[in-house]
Amino acid sequence: MSDLTASAARIVVGVDGSEPSEAALRWAARQAALTGAVIEAVTAWEHPLWYGTSPMAAGFDFADNAAKILSQALDETFGPDRPAEIRSRVERGHPAAVLLEASREAELLVVGNRGHGGFTETLLGAVGQHLVQHAACPVVVICGSVPSAAQGADGVR
């Protein structure tokens, strides 16, 4: 790791492949450009809890699937304009625990809300609520969409 990267401020972003997490990535990229921070995009995965066995679990690589989701989210969010100072990280564990650990000594933690439209879109999901209450750094929860860098402030090209 270079001295520049080691000493740069970090913005940790929780990514699960949803539109809210992609909006969080776009917001974090703008903030990183303003502050000179690096972005650390983090995806968490867990083995599902089942009683007995499941045909889906046999031979399914949860870590590989999570890495593909993260890569696809980065590609969909940034396309060929991916910021140079972005790192990706896939960790096993509950999303709240993984993001809390990843955000230690970070300048900022950014996540999207997981609303389902209408009134519930204004509610904070369980992971976001836990992060807001327990993170050691400021937490930004993105509600709604964030235009890409190629779009104006109103989201229109």
N, C-alpha and C. Protein backbone atom coordinates (compact mmCIF):
# COMPACT_ATOMS: atom_id res chain seq x y z
N MET A 1 0.85 -1.17 0.00
CA MET A 1 0.00 0.00 0.00
C MET A 1 0.90 1.24 0.00
N SER A 2 0.60 2.20 -0.85
CA SER A 2 1.43 3.39 -0.92
C SER A 2 1.17 4.30 0.27
N ASP A 3 2.13 5.21 0.54
CA ASP A 3 1.95 6.15 1.64
C ASP A 3 0.73 7.02 1.41
N LEU A 4 0.49 7.42 0.15
CA LEU A 4 -0.66 8.26 -0.16
C LEU A 4 -1.95 7.53 0.17
N THR A 5 -2.07 6.27 -0.25
CA THR A 5 -3.27 5.50 0.01
C THR A 5 -3.43 5.22 1.49
N ALA A 6 -2.34 4.92 2.18
CA ALA A 6 -2.41 4.59 3.61
C ALA A 6 -2.86 5.79 4.42
N SER A 7 -2.49 7.00 4.02
CA SER A 7 -2.82 8.17 4.80
C SER A 7 -4.09 8.87 4.33
N ALA A 8 -4.65 8.46 3.19
CA ALA A 8 -5.85 9.11 2.67
C ALA A 8 -7.06 8.77 3.54
N ALA A 9 -7.96 9.73 3.64
CA ALA A 9 -9.21 9.50 4.35
C ALA A 9 -10.02 8.44 3.60
N ARG A 10 -10.78 7.64 4.36
CA ARG A 10 -11.59 6.59 3.75
C ARG A 10 -13.07 6.87 3.94
N ILE A 11 -13.82 6.62 2.87
CA ILE A 11 -15.28 6.61 2.93
C ILE A 11 -15.71 5.18 2.65
N VAL A 12 -16.34 4.55 3.63
CA VAL A 12 -16.80 3.17 3.49
C VAL A 12 -18.25 3.21 3.01
N VAL A 13 -18.53 2.39 1.99
CA VAL A 13 -19.88 2.34 1.41
C VAL A 13 -20.39 0.90 1.45
N GLY A 14 -21.56 0.70 2.04
CA GLY A 14 -22.18 -0.61 2.04
C GLY A 14 -22.87 -0.85 0.70
N VAL A 15 -22.53 -1.97 0.05
CA VAL A 15 -23.07 -2.27 -1.28
C VAL A 15 -23.71 -3.66 -1.25
N ASP A 16 -24.98 -3.71 -1.65
CA ASP A 16 -25.67 -5.01 -1.74
C ASP A 16 -26.28 -5.24 -3.12
N GLY A 17 -25.98 -4.38 -4.07
CA GLY A 17 -26.49 -4.54 -5.42
C GLY A 17 -27.82 -3.86 -5.67
N SER A 18 -28.43 -3.29 -4.64
CA SER A 18 -29.72 -2.62 -4.80
C SER A 18 -29.52 -1.21 -5.33
N GLU A 19 -30.57 -0.62 -5.85
CA GLU A 19 -30.50 0.77 -6.32
C GLU A 19 -30.12 1.72 -5.18
N PRO A 20 -30.68 1.56 -3.96
CA PRO A 20 -30.24 2.45 -2.89
C PRO A 20 -28.73 2.36 -2.60
N SER A 21 -28.14 1.17 -2.71
CA SER A 21 -26.70 1.08 -2.46
C SER A 21 -25.90 1.68 -3.61
N GLU A 22 -26.43 1.61 -4.82
CA GLU A 22 -25.76 2.28 -5.95
C GLU A 22 -25.86 3.79 -5.81
N ALA A 23 -26.98 4.28 -5.29
CA ALA A 23 -27.11 5.72 -5.01
C ALA A 23 -26.10 6.13 -3.94
N ALA A 24 -25.88 5.27 -2.95
CA ALA A 24 -24.89 5.55 -1.91
C ALA A 24 -23.49 5.62 -2.52
N LEU A 25 -23.19 4.74 -3.46
CA LEU A 25 -21.89 4.78 -4.15
C LEU A 25 -21.71 6.09 -4.92
N ARG A 26 -22.76 6.52 -5.63
CA ARG A 26 -22.66 7.78 -6.39
C ARG A 26 -22.43 8.96 -5.45
N TRP A 27 -23.15 8.98 -4.32
CA TRP A 27 -22.99 10.08 -3.36
C TRP A 27 -21.57 10.07 -2.79
N ALA A 28 -21.10 8.88 -2.43
CA ALA A 28 -19.76 8.76 -1.85
C ALA A 28 -18.69 9.18 -2.85
N ALA A 29 -18.88 8.88 -4.12
CA ALA A 29 -17.90 9.27 -5.14
C ALA A 29 -17.80 10.79 -5.24
N ARG A 30 -18.93 11.46 -5.16
CA ARG A 30 -18.91 12.94 -5.18
C ARG A 30 -18.22 13.48 -3.93
N GLN A 31 -18.51 12.91 -2.79
CA GLN A 31 -17.88 13.36 -1.54
C GLN A 31 -16.39 13.10 -1.57
N ALA A 32 -15.99 11.94 -2.08
CA ALA A 32 -14.57 11.61 -2.16
C ALA A 32 -13.83 12.57 -3.09
N ALA A 33 -14.48 12.95 -4.18
CA ALA A 33 -13.86 13.91 -5.10
C ALA A 33 -13.65 15.26 -4.43
N LEU A 34 -14.56 15.64 -3.56
CA LEU A 34 -14.45 16.92 -2.85
C LEU A 34 -13.38 16.89 -1.75
N THR A 35 -13.22 15.74 -1.11
CA THR A 35 -12.35 15.66 0.07
C THR A 35 -11.03 14.94 -0.16
N GLY A 36 -10.87 14.32 -1.33
CA GLY A 36 -9.65 13.57 -1.60
C GLY A 36 -9.61 12.21 -0.92
N ALA A 37 -10.75 11.73 -0.48
CA ALA A 37 -10.81 10.43 0.21
C ALA A 37 -10.82 9.29 -0.80
N VAL A 38 -10.47 8.12 -0.31
CA VAL A 38 -10.63 6.89 -1.10
C VAL A 38 -11.96 6.25 -0.70
N ILE A 39 -12.55 5.53 -1.63
CA ILE A 39 -13.81 4.84 -1.37
C ILE A 39 -13.50 3.37 -1.15
N GLU A 40 -14.08 2.82 -0.10
CA GLU A 40 -13.98 1.39 0.14
C GLU A 40 -15.40 0.83 0.06
N ALA A 41 -15.69 0.16 -1.06
CA ALA A 41 -17.00 -0.45 -1.28
C ALA A 41 -16.99 -1.83 -0.64
N VAL A 42 -17.93 -2.06 0.28
CA VAL A 42 -17.94 -3.28 1.08
C VAL A 42 -19.24 -4.04 0.89
N THR A 43 -19.12 -5.33 0.61
CA THR A 43 -20.27 -6.22 0.52
C THR A 43 -20.10 -7.33 1.55
N ALA A 44 -21.17 -7.62 2.26
CA ALA A 44 -21.15 -8.68 3.27
C ALA A 44 -22.00 -9.85 2.80
N TRP A 45 -21.62 -11.04 3.23
CA TRP A 45 -22.41 -12.22 2.92
C TRP A 45 -22.42 -13.15 4.11
N GLU A 46 -23.47 -13.95 4.19
CA GLU A 46 -23.60 -14.95 5.25
C GLU A 46 -24.18 -16.22 4.64
N HIS A 47 -23.88 -17.35 5.26
CA HIS A 47 -24.58 -18.58 4.90
C HIS A 47 -26.00 -18.44 5.45
N PRO A 48 -27.01 -18.76 4.64
CA PRO A 48 -28.38 -18.69 5.17
C PRO A 48 -28.58 -19.72 6.27
N LEU A 49 -29.45 -19.40 7.19
CA LEU A 49 -29.78 -20.33 8.28
C LEU A 49 -30.97 -21.17 7.85
N TRP A 50 -30.73 -22.47 7.64
CA TRP A 50 -31.77 -23.40 7.26
C TRP A 50 -31.79 -24.56 8.23
N TYR A 51 -32.95 -25.12 8.38
CA TYR A 51 -33.06 -26.38 9.11
C TYR A 51 -32.96 -27.47 8.06
N GLY A 52 -32.03 -28.36 8.22
CA GLY A 52 -31.80 -29.39 7.23
C GLY A 52 -30.90 -28.88 6.14
N THR A 53 -30.98 -29.51 4.97
CA THR A 53 -30.14 -29.08 3.85
C THR A 53 -31.00 -28.55 2.73
N SER A 54 -30.38 -27.83 1.85
CA SER A 54 -31.07 -27.25 0.71
C SER A 54 -30.30 -27.56 -0.55
N PRO A 55 -30.98 -27.94 -1.62
CA PRO A 55 -30.26 -28.19 -2.87
C PRO A 55 -29.49 -26.96 -3.34
N MET A 56 -30.00 -25.76 -3.07
CA MET A 56 -29.33 -24.54 -3.50
C MET A 56 -27.98 -24.37 -2.82
N ALA A 57 -27.89 -24.78 -1.56
CA ALA A 57 -26.66 -24.58 -0.81
C ALA A 57 -25.54 -25.50 -1.29
N ALA A 58 -25.90 -26.65 -1.81
CA ALA A 58 -24.88 -27.60 -2.27
C ALA A 58 -24.16 -27.03 -3.49
N GLY A 59 -22.88 -26.75 -3.32
CA GLY A 59 -22.07 -26.26 -4.43
C GLY A 59 -22.21 -24.78 -4.72
N PHE A 60 -23.04 -24.06 -3.99
CA PHE A 60 -23.20 -22.63 -4.23
C PHE A 60 -22.12 -21.87 -3.47
N ASP A 61 -21.40 -21.01 -4.16
CA ASP A 61 -20.32 -20.25 -3.55
C ASP A 61 -20.83 -18.86 -3.18
N PHE A 62 -21.18 -18.68 -1.91
CA PHE A 62 -21.75 -17.42 -1.45
C PHE A 62 -20.76 -16.27 -1.56
N ALA A 63 -19.49 -16.52 -1.26
CA ALA A 63 -18.47 -15.47 -1.35
C ALA A 63 -18.28 -15.01 -2.79
N ASP A 64 -18.22 -15.96 -3.71
CA ASP A 64 -18.08 -15.63 -5.13
C ASP A 64 -19.29 -14.85 -5.63
N ASN A 65 -20.47 -15.27 -5.21
CA ASN A 65 -21.69 -14.57 -5.60
C ASN A 65 -21.67 -13.12 -5.08
N ALA A 66 -21.24 -12.94 -3.84
CA ALA A 66 -21.17 -11.59 -3.27
C ALA A 66 -20.17 -10.73 -4.03
N ALA A 67 -19.04 -11.31 -4.42
CA ALA A 67 -18.03 -10.57 -5.20
C ALA A 67 -18.59 -10.16 -6.56
N LYS A 68 -19.37 -11.04 -7.17
CA LYS A 68 -20.00 -10.70 -8.46
C LYS A 68 -21.01 -9.57 -8.30
N ILE A 69 -21.79 -9.61 -7.22
CA ILE A 69 -22.77 -8.55 -6.95
C ILE A 69 -22.05 -7.21 -6.78
N LEU A 70 -20.94 -7.21 -6.03
CA LEU A 70 -20.18 -5.98 -5.82
C LEU A 70 -19.61 -5.46 -7.13
N SER A 71 -19.00 -6.33 -7.90
CA SER A 71 -18.41 -5.94 -9.18
C SER A 71 -19.47 -5.37 -10.13
N GLN A 72 -20.61 -6.04 -10.19
CA GLN A 72 -21.69 -5.58 -11.06
C GLN A 72 -22.22 -4.22 -10.59
N ALA A 73 -22.36 -4.03 -9.29
CA ALA A 73 -22.84 -2.75 -8.76
C ALA A 73 -21.87 -1.63 -9.11
N LEU A 74 -20.57 -1.89 -8.99
CA LEU A 74 -19.57 -0.88 -9.35
C LEU A 74 -19.64 -0.57 -10.85
N ASP A 75 -19.78 -1.61 -11.68
CA ASP A 75 -19.88 -1.40 -13.12
C ASP A 75 -21.14 -0.61 -13.49
N GLU A 76 -22.27 -0.98 -12.89
CA GLU A 76 -23.53 -0.29 -13.19
C GLU A 76 -23.52 1.15 -12.69
N THR A 77 -22.88 1.38 -11.57
CA THR A 77 -22.85 2.72 -10.98
C THR A 77 -21.92 3.66 -11.73
N PHE A 78 -20.72 3.18 -12.06
CA PHE A 78 -19.70 4.06 -12.62
C PHE A 78 -19.39 3.80 -14.09
N GLY A 79 -19.67 2.61 -14.59
CA GLY A 79 -19.30 2.29 -15.97
C GLY A 79 -17.81 2.48 -16.16
N PRO A 80 -17.42 3.03 -17.31
CA PRO A 80 -15.98 3.22 -17.56
C PRO A 80 -15.38 4.38 -16.76
N ASP A 81 -16.23 5.16 -16.08
CA ASP A 81 -15.76 6.33 -15.32
C ASP A 81 -15.54 6.00 -13.85
N ARG A 82 -15.18 4.75 -13.55
CA ARG A 82 -14.96 4.34 -12.16
C ARG A 82 -13.83 5.17 -11.56
N PRO A 83 -14.06 5.74 -10.36
CA PRO A 83 -13.00 6.52 -9.72
C PRO A 83 -11.73 5.69 -9.53
N ALA A 84 -10.58 6.33 -9.69
CA ALA A 84 -9.31 5.62 -9.54
C ALA A 84 -9.10 5.13 -8.12
N GLU A 85 -9.51 5.91 -7.15
CA GLU A 85 -9.28 5.57 -5.74
C GLU A 85 -10.50 4.87 -5.15
N ILE A 86 -10.81 3.70 -5.68
CA ILE A 86 -11.89 2.90 -5.12
C ILE A 86 -11.38 1.48 -4.90
N ARG A 87 -11.63 0.98 -3.70
CA ARG A 87 -11.25 -0.38 -3.35
C ARG A 87 -12.53 -1.17 -3.13
N SER A 88 -12.48 -2.45 -3.38
CA SER A 88 -13.64 -3.28 -3.09
C SER A 88 -13.24 -4.35 -2.09
N ARG A 89 -14.21 -4.74 -1.29
CA ARG A 89 -13.94 -5.68 -0.20
C ARG A 89 -15.18 -6.53 0.03
N VAL A 90 -15.02 -7.84 0.08
CA VAL A 90 -16.10 -8.77 0.36
C VAL A 90 -15.77 -9.49 1.66
N GLU A 91 -16.68 -9.44 2.61
CA GLU A 91 -16.44 -10.04 3.93
C GLU A 91 -17.61 -10.93 4.33
N ARG A 92 -17.30 -12.00 5.03
CA ARG A 92 -18.33 -12.88 5.56
C ARG A 92 -18.81 -12.32 6.89
N GLY A 93 -20.13 -12.25 7.07
CA GLY A 93 -20.70 -11.80 8.32
C GLY A 93 -21.98 -11.02 8.09
N HIS A 94 -22.63 -10.68 9.17
CA HIS A 94 -23.85 -9.87 9.09
C HIS A 94 -23.47 -8.48 8.57
N PRO A 95 -24.27 -7.91 7.66
CA PRO A 95 -23.92 -6.61 7.08
C PRO A 95 -23.62 -5.52 8.11
N ALA A 96 -24.40 -5.43 9.16
CA ALA A 96 -24.16 -4.38 10.15
C ALA A 96 -22.81 -4.58 10.83
N ALA A 97 -22.49 -5.80 11.22
CA ALA A 97 -21.22 -6.07 11.90
C ALA A 97 -20.04 -5.83 10.95
N VAL A 98 -20.16 -6.28 9.72
CA VAL A 98 -19.08 -6.11 8.74
C VAL A 98 -18.85 -4.62 8.48
N LEU A 99 -19.92 -3.86 8.30
CA LEU A 99 -19.76 -2.43 8.02
C LEU A 99 -19.23 -1.66 9.23
N LEU A 100 -19.65 -2.03 10.42
CA LEU A 100 -19.10 -1.38 11.61
C LEU A 100 -17.60 -1.61 11.71
N GLU A 101 -17.17 -2.83 11.48
CA GLU A 101 -15.74 -3.15 11.54
C GLU A 101 -14.98 -2.42 10.43
N ALA A 102 -15.53 -2.43 9.22
CA ALA A 102 -14.86 -1.79 8.08
C ALA A 102 -14.75 -0.29 8.27
N SER A 103 -15.69 0.30 8.98
CA SER A 103 -15.70 1.76 9.13
C SER A 103 -14.89 2.28 10.31
N ARG A 104 -14.26 1.37 11.07
CA ARG A 104 -13.39 1.84 12.15
C ARG A 104 -12.31 2.73 11.54
N GLU A 105 -12.10 3.87 12.11
CA GLU A 105 -11.11 4.85 11.65
C GLU A 105 -11.41 5.41 10.25
N ALA A 106 -12.63 5.22 9.75
CA ALA A 106 -13.03 5.85 8.49
C ALA A 106 -13.55 7.25 8.79
N GLU A 107 -13.53 8.09 7.78
CA GLU A 107 -14.07 9.43 7.93
C GLU A 107 -15.59 9.42 7.87
N LEU A 108 -16.13 8.44 7.13
CA LEU A 108 -17.57 8.45 6.86
C LEU A 108 -18.01 7.05 6.46
N LEU A 109 -19.24 6.70 6.82
CA LEU A 109 -19.87 5.46 6.40
C LEU A 109 -21.15 5.84 5.66
N VAL A 110 -21.32 5.30 4.45
CA VAL A 110 -22.46 5.66 3.61
C VAL A 110 -23.22 4.39 3.23
N VAL A 111 -24.53 4.41 3.43
CA VAL A 111 -25.39 3.30 3.04
C VAL A 111 -26.66 3.86 2.41
N GLY A 112 -27.32 3.02 1.64
CA GLY A 112 -28.63 3.37 1.10
C GLY A 112 -29.70 2.80 2.01
N ASN A 113 -30.86 3.45 2.00
CA ASN A 113 -31.96 2.86 2.77
C ASN A 113 -32.60 1.76 1.92
N ARG A 114 -33.33 0.91 2.53
CA ARG A 114 -33.95 -0.20 1.79
C ARG A 114 -35.46 -0.06 1.79
N GLY A 115 -35.97 1.14 1.54
CA GLY A 115 -37.41 1.37 1.51
C GLY A 115 -38.06 0.66 0.33
N HIS A 116 -39.37 0.54 0.38
CA HIS A 116 -40.11 -0.14 -0.68
C HIS A 116 -41.08 0.80 -1.38
N GLY A 117 -40.79 2.09 -1.35
CA GLY A 117 -41.66 3.05 -2.02
C GLY A 117 -42.66 3.65 -1.06
N GLY A 118 -43.19 4.81 -1.45
CA GLY A 118 -44.21 5.47 -0.64
C GLY A 118 -43.69 5.82 0.74
N PHE A 119 -44.54 5.66 1.75
CA PHE A 119 -44.19 6.02 3.12
C PHE A 119 -43.02 5.19 3.63
N THR A 120 -42.98 3.90 3.31
CA THR A 120 -41.92 3.05 3.85
C THR A 120 -40.55 3.45 3.33
N GLU A 121 -40.48 4.17 2.20
CA GLU A 121 -39.19 4.61 1.69
C GLU A 121 -38.52 5.60 2.63
N THR A 122 -39.31 6.27 3.46
CA THR A 122 -38.74 7.23 4.40
C THR A 122 -38.24 6.56 5.67
N LEU A 123 -38.56 5.29 5.86
CA LEU A 123 -38.13 4.57 7.05
C LEU A 123 -36.71 4.05 6.87
N LEU A 124 -36.02 3.94 7.97
CA LEU A 124 -34.66 3.44 7.97
C LEU A 124 -34.69 1.93 8.18
N GLY A 125 -33.96 1.19 7.36
CA GLY A 125 -33.90 -0.26 7.50
C GLY A 125 -33.17 -0.67 8.76
N ALA A 126 -33.23 -1.95 9.09
CA ALA A 126 -32.62 -2.46 10.32
C ALA A 126 -31.11 -2.27 10.33
N VAL A 127 -30.45 -2.53 9.20
CA VAL A 127 -28.99 -2.36 9.14
C VAL A 127 -28.63 -0.89 9.29
N GLY A 128 -29.31 -0.03 8.54
CA GLY A 128 -29.04 1.41 8.63
C GLY A 128 -29.27 1.94 10.03
N GLN A 129 -30.34 1.50 10.66
CA GLN A 129 -30.64 1.92 12.03
C GLN A 129 -29.52 1.51 12.98
N HIS A 130 -29.06 0.28 12.86
CA HIS A 130 -27.97 -0.21 13.72
C HIS A 130 -26.70 0.59 13.50
N LEU A 131 -26.38 0.88 12.23
CA LEU A 131 -25.16 1.63 11.93
C LEU A 131 -25.23 3.04 12.49
N VAL A 132 -26.37 3.69 12.33
CA VAL A 132 -26.54 5.06 12.84
C VAL A 132 -26.33 5.09 14.35
N GLN A 133 -26.79 4.06 15.04
CA GLN A 133 -26.69 4.02 16.50
C GLN A 133 -25.32 3.59 17.01
N HIS A 134 -24.54 2.83 16.22
CA HIS A 134 -23.33 2.23 16.76
C HIS A 134 -22.02 2.57 16.06
N ALA A 135 -22.06 3.21 14.92
CA ALA A 135 -20.82 3.49 14.19
C ALA A 135 -19.96 4.50 14.94
N ALA A 136 -18.65 4.35 14.79
CA ALA A 136 -17.69 5.25 15.43
C ALA A 136 -17.41 6.48 14.58
N CYS A 137 -18.00 6.54 13.39
CA CYS A 137 -17.81 7.69 12.50
C CYS A 137 -19.18 8.19 12.06
N PRO A 138 -19.24 9.35 11.44
CA PRO A 138 -20.53 9.82 10.92
C PRO A 138 -21.09 8.85 9.88
N VAL A 139 -22.42 8.72 9.86
CA VAL A 139 -23.11 7.83 8.93
C VAL A 139 -24.05 8.66 8.07
N VAL A 140 -23.99 8.44 6.76
CA VAL A 140 -24.91 9.07 5.83
C VAL A 140 -25.80 7.98 5.25
N VAL A 141 -27.12 8.16 5.36
CA VAL A 141 -28.07 7.22 4.79
C VAL A 141 -28.72 7.92 3.61
N ILE A 142 -28.54 7.36 2.42
CA ILE A 142 -29.07 7.96 1.20
C ILE A 142 -30.48 7.44 0.96
N CYS A 143 -31.42 8.35 0.93
CA CYS A 143 -32.82 8.03 0.64
C CYS A 143 -33.13 8.60 -0.74
N GLY A 144 -33.59 7.77 -1.64
CA GLY A 144 -33.89 8.23 -2.98
C GLY A 144 -32.69 8.07 -3.88
N SER A 145 -32.81 8.60 -5.09
CA SER A 145 -31.74 8.42 -6.08
C SER A 145 -30.76 9.58 -6.03
N VAL A 146 -29.57 9.32 -6.50
CA VAL A 146 -28.51 10.33 -6.62
C VAL A 146 -28.07 10.30 -8.07
N PRO A 147 -28.12 11.46 -8.76
CA PRO A 147 -27.73 11.47 -10.16
C PRO A 147 -26.26 11.10 -10.34
N SER A 148 -25.96 10.51 -11.49
CA SER A 148 -24.57 10.19 -11.80
C SER A 148 -23.81 11.46 -12.07
N ALA A 149 -22.49 11.36 -12.12
CA ALA A 149 -21.65 12.54 -12.37
C ALA A 149 -21.95 13.14 -13.73
N ALA A 150 -22.42 12.31 -14.68
CA ALA A 150 -22.72 12.82 -16.02
C ALA A 150 -24.05 13.56 -16.06
N GLN A 151 -24.83 13.45 -15.00
CA GLN A 151 -26.12 14.12 -14.93
C GLN A 151 -26.00 15.38 -14.10
N GLY A 152 -26.93 16.27 -14.29
CA GLY A 152 -26.95 17.49 -13.50
C GLY A 152 -27.51 17.24 -12.12
N ALA A 153 -27.60 18.29 -11.31
CA ALA A 153 -28.11 18.17 -9.94
C ALA A 153 -29.55 17.70 -9.93
N ASP A 154 -30.30 17.95 -11.00
CA ASP A 154 -31.69 17.54 -11.04
C ASP A 154 -31.87 16.13 -11.60
N GLY A 155 -30.75 15.44 -11.90
CA GLY A 155 -30.81 14.08 -12.38
C GLY A 155 -31.01 13.96 -13.88
N VAL A 156 -31.01 15.10 -14.58
CA VAL A 156 -31.23 15.10 -16.03
C VAL A 156 -29.93 15.33 -16.73
N ARG A 157 -29.66 14.59 -17.81
CA ARG A 157 -28.44 14.78 -18.59
C ARG A 157 -28.48 16.08 -19.33
